[in-house]
Protein backbone atom coordinates (compact mmCIF):
# COMPACT_ATOMS: atom_id res chain seq x y z
CA MET A 1 -77.84 167.06 -27.43
CA ILE A 2 -78.25 163.29 -27.14
CA THR A 3 -80.51 161.70 -29.73
CA ARG A 4 -81.72 158.13 -30.00
CA ARG A 5 -79.74 157.67 -33.19
CA GLY A 6 -76.55 159.00 -31.57
CA LEU A 7 -77.08 156.84 -28.49
CA LEU A 8 -77.65 153.77 -30.65
CA ALA A 9 -74.53 154.46 -32.73
CA SER A 10 -72.35 154.93 -29.64
CA THR A 11 -73.72 151.70 -28.13
CA VAL A 12 -72.89 149.75 -31.30
CA VAL A 13 -69.35 151.19 -31.35
CA ALA A 14 -68.85 150.35 -27.65
CA MET A 15 -70.09 146.79 -28.15
CA ALA A 16 -67.77 146.29 -31.12
CA ALA A 17 -64.79 147.52 -29.07
CA ALA A 18 -65.58 145.31 -26.06
CA PRO A 19 -63.58 142.09 -25.78
CA ALA A 20 -65.40 138.95 -26.85
CA LEU A 21 -66.38 136.77 -23.94
CA ALA A 22 -64.78 133.36 -23.83
CA LYS A 23 -66.81 130.18 -23.74
CA ALA A 24 -65.72 129.76 -20.13
CA ARG A 25 -68.42 129.41 -17.54
CA LEU A 26 -68.19 130.48 -13.95
CA GLY A 27 -68.46 127.42 -11.71
CA GLU A 28 -70.11 127.21 -8.30
CA ASP A 29 -66.66 127.55 -6.73
CA GLY A 30 -66.18 130.92 -8.45
CA LEU A 31 -63.54 129.62 -10.87
CA TYR A 32 -63.83 129.93 -14.62
CA GLN A 33 -64.11 126.55 -16.32
CA GLU A 34 -63.59 125.55 -19.92
CA ASP A 35 -65.49 122.53 -21.20
CA TRP A 36 -62.18 120.95 -22.24
CA TYR A 37 -60.51 121.17 -18.82
CA LEU A 38 -59.52 117.84 -17.35
CA GLU A 39 -62.11 115.92 -15.37
CA SER A 40 -60.03 114.33 -12.66
CA PHE A 41 -60.02 112.16 -9.57
CA LEU A 42 -57.34 114.64 -8.38
CA ASP A 43 -54.44 112.18 -8.51
CA LEU A 44 -51.55 114.06 -10.12
CA ALA A 45 -49.51 111.00 -11.15
CA GLU A 46 -52.56 109.41 -12.75
CA ASP A 47 -53.49 112.64 -14.55
CA LEU A 48 -49.93 113.07 -15.87
CA THR A 49 -49.80 109.46 -17.08
CA ASN A 50 -53.18 109.74 -18.79
CA ALA A 51 -52.21 113.03 -20.43
CA SER A 52 -48.96 111.55 -21.77
CA GLN A 53 -50.70 108.44 -23.06
CA GLY A 54 -53.09 110.76 -24.90
CA GLY A 55 -50.19 112.66 -26.49
CA LYS A 56 -50.63 115.72 -24.29
CA ARG A 57 -48.59 117.53 -21.65
CA PHE A 58 -49.99 117.86 -18.14
CA VAL A 59 -50.40 121.25 -16.46
CA VAL A 60 -51.99 122.49 -13.27
CA LEU A 61 -53.73 125.85 -13.55
CA TRP A 62 -54.26 127.62 -10.22
CA GLY A 63 -57.20 129.99 -9.98
CA LEU A 64 -59.08 131.96 -7.36
CA ARG A 65 -62.60 133.31 -7.00
CA ASN A 66 -62.84 136.98 -8.09
CA CYS A 67 -59.29 137.00 -9.50
CA PRO A 68 -59.15 139.78 -12.14
CA ALA A 69 -56.18 138.21 -13.94
CA CYS A 70 -57.95 134.83 -14.06
CA ARG A 71 -60.94 136.52 -15.63
CA ARG A 72 -58.69 138.27 -18.17
CA MET A 73 -56.99 134.97 -19.02
CA HIS A 74 -60.36 133.40 -19.83
CA GLU A 75 -61.94 136.42 -21.53
CA VAL A 76 -58.90 137.50 -23.56
CA HIS A 77 -56.19 134.84 -23.82
CA LEU A 78 -58.40 131.74 -24.00
CA ALA A 79 -61.03 133.58 -26.05
CA ASP A 80 -58.48 133.74 -28.88
CA PRO A 81 -59.35 130.67 -31.00
CA ALA A 82 -55.71 130.03 -31.96
CA ILE A 83 -54.52 130.08 -28.34
CA GLU A 84 -57.47 128.09 -27.05
CA SER A 85 -57.22 125.37 -29.70
CA TYR A 86 -53.44 124.99 -29.29
CA ILE A 87 -53.73 124.53 -25.53
CA ARG A 88 -56.81 122.30 -25.78
CA ASP A 89 -55.15 120.07 -28.39
CA ASN A 90 -51.75 119.79 -26.70
CA PHE A 91 -52.32 120.01 -22.94
CA ALA A 92 -54.41 118.35 -20.26
CA VAL A 93 -55.31 121.22 -17.91
CA LEU A 94 -56.24 120.49 -14.31
CA HIS A 95 -57.80 123.59 -12.77
CA LEU A 96 -57.33 123.87 -9.00
CA ASN A 97 -58.40 126.51 -6.47
CA ILE A 98 -55.45 128.03 -4.62
CA LEU A 99 -57.66 128.26 -1.49
CA GLY A 100 -59.65 125.09 -2.22
CA SER A 101 -60.46 122.26 0.15
CA ARG A 102 -60.70 119.32 -2.26
CA GLU A 103 -58.22 116.53 -1.51
CA VAL A 104 -55.48 116.06 -4.13
CA THR A 105 -53.03 113.15 -4.28
CA ASP A 106 -49.54 114.46 -5.00
CA PHE A 107 -46.91 112.56 -7.02
CA ASP A 108 -45.45 111.07 -3.81
CA GLY A 109 -48.83 109.70 -2.74
CA SER A 110 -49.45 112.28 -0.03
CA LYS A 111 -52.98 113.67 0.16
CA LEU A 112 -53.30 117.43 0.60
CA THR A 113 -56.05 119.98 0.19
CA GLU A 114 -55.73 122.24 -2.83
CA LYS A 115 -54.68 125.06 -0.50
CA ALA A 116 -52.00 122.91 1.18
CA LEU A 117 -50.79 121.63 -2.20
CA ALA A 118 -50.41 125.18 -3.50
CA LYS A 119 -48.35 126.06 -0.42
CA HIS A 120 -46.34 122.83 -0.76
CA TYR A 121 -45.35 123.86 -4.30
CA GLY A 122 -44.81 127.52 -3.42
CA VAL A 123 -47.66 128.77 -5.59
CA GLU A 124 -48.42 132.25 -4.28
CA GLY A 125 -50.67 133.98 -6.80
CA THR A 126 -53.19 133.39 -9.53
CA PRO A 127 -53.34 132.56 -12.26
CA ALA A 128 -50.29 130.31 -12.00
CA ILE A 129 -49.57 127.41 -14.32
CA GLN A 130 -47.29 124.51 -13.47
CA PHE A 131 -45.93 122.49 -16.40
CA PHE A 132 -44.87 118.91 -15.68
CA PRO A 133 -42.67 116.42 -17.56
CA THR A 134 -44.04 113.67 -19.79
CA SER A 135 -43.56 110.95 -17.18
CA ALA A 136 -44.25 110.68 -13.45
CA ASN A 137 -41.29 108.31 -13.04
CA GLY A 138 -38.94 109.64 -10.37
CA LEU A 139 -41.08 112.67 -9.52
CA ALA A 140 -42.02 111.38 -6.06
CA ALA A 141 -38.35 111.48 -4.99
CA LYS A 142 -37.88 115.11 -6.07
CA GLN A 143 -38.66 118.25 -4.11
CA PRO A 144 -42.02 119.69 -5.21
CA ARG A 145 -40.66 122.63 -7.20
CA ASP A 146 -38.12 120.36 -8.93
CA ARG A 147 -40.97 118.26 -10.35
CA GLU A 148 -41.94 121.05 -12.73
CA VAL A 149 -40.32 121.67 -16.10
CA ALA A 150 -41.62 125.27 -16.17
CA ARG A 151 -43.95 127.62 -14.35
CA MET A 152 -45.94 130.66 -15.38
CA ALA A 153 -46.29 132.57 -12.11
CA SER A 154 -48.31 135.47 -13.48
CA LEU A 155 -50.32 136.36 -16.56
CA PRO A 156 -48.20 137.70 -19.42
CA GLU A 157 -49.60 139.24 -22.57
CA PRO A 158 -51.28 136.74 -24.95
CA GLN A 159 -48.27 136.20 -27.26
CA ALA A 160 -45.90 135.47 -24.34
CA PHE A 161 -48.60 133.29 -22.79
CA ILE A 162 -48.91 131.00 -25.81
CA ALA A 163 -45.13 131.09 -26.38
CA GLN A 164 -44.63 129.45 -22.97
CA PHE A 165 -47.03 126.64 -23.89
CA ARG A 166 -45.27 126.16 -27.24
CA ALA A 167 -41.85 126.06 -25.57
CA VAL A 168 -42.97 123.36 -23.15
CA ARG A 169 -44.68 121.36 -25.88
CA ASN A 170 -41.50 121.55 -27.98
CA GLY A 171 -39.37 120.08 -25.24
CA VAL A 172 -38.25 122.71 -22.77
């Protein structure tokens, strides 16, 4: 028999077991946004230079509307204060839509939509994170994939996720 007291107790237990929601908000484009994500004119060389001058590494995070792994990344991985603060303090994160139509200026000066840029770099799923070097010098002459120092092509468990960021920050 279900009683009010039993129902209340089971609700409290269920709420305690539920993952804490991140501070991310869902934007009009359907992508999760953190208040510390990079505000950009969508010029990759400029964003990389500004990140480096600020003592941070530059990354591009690819997302997609209704992506379950993107949601998990924001509600689990980035909801962890240690992970969130490490990334926020050490990386400039540009969040792009893998199917988006905004115009982005690549390192070689070419202007592509987000969707075309993702294809140009061979980004095929979300979330994907591209890690770039500390300087844009010479990147324009390289093939797109060779411009990256590392890539996270899927969403690993939280400890492997932050380990990749630490490895890049420490000079991989």
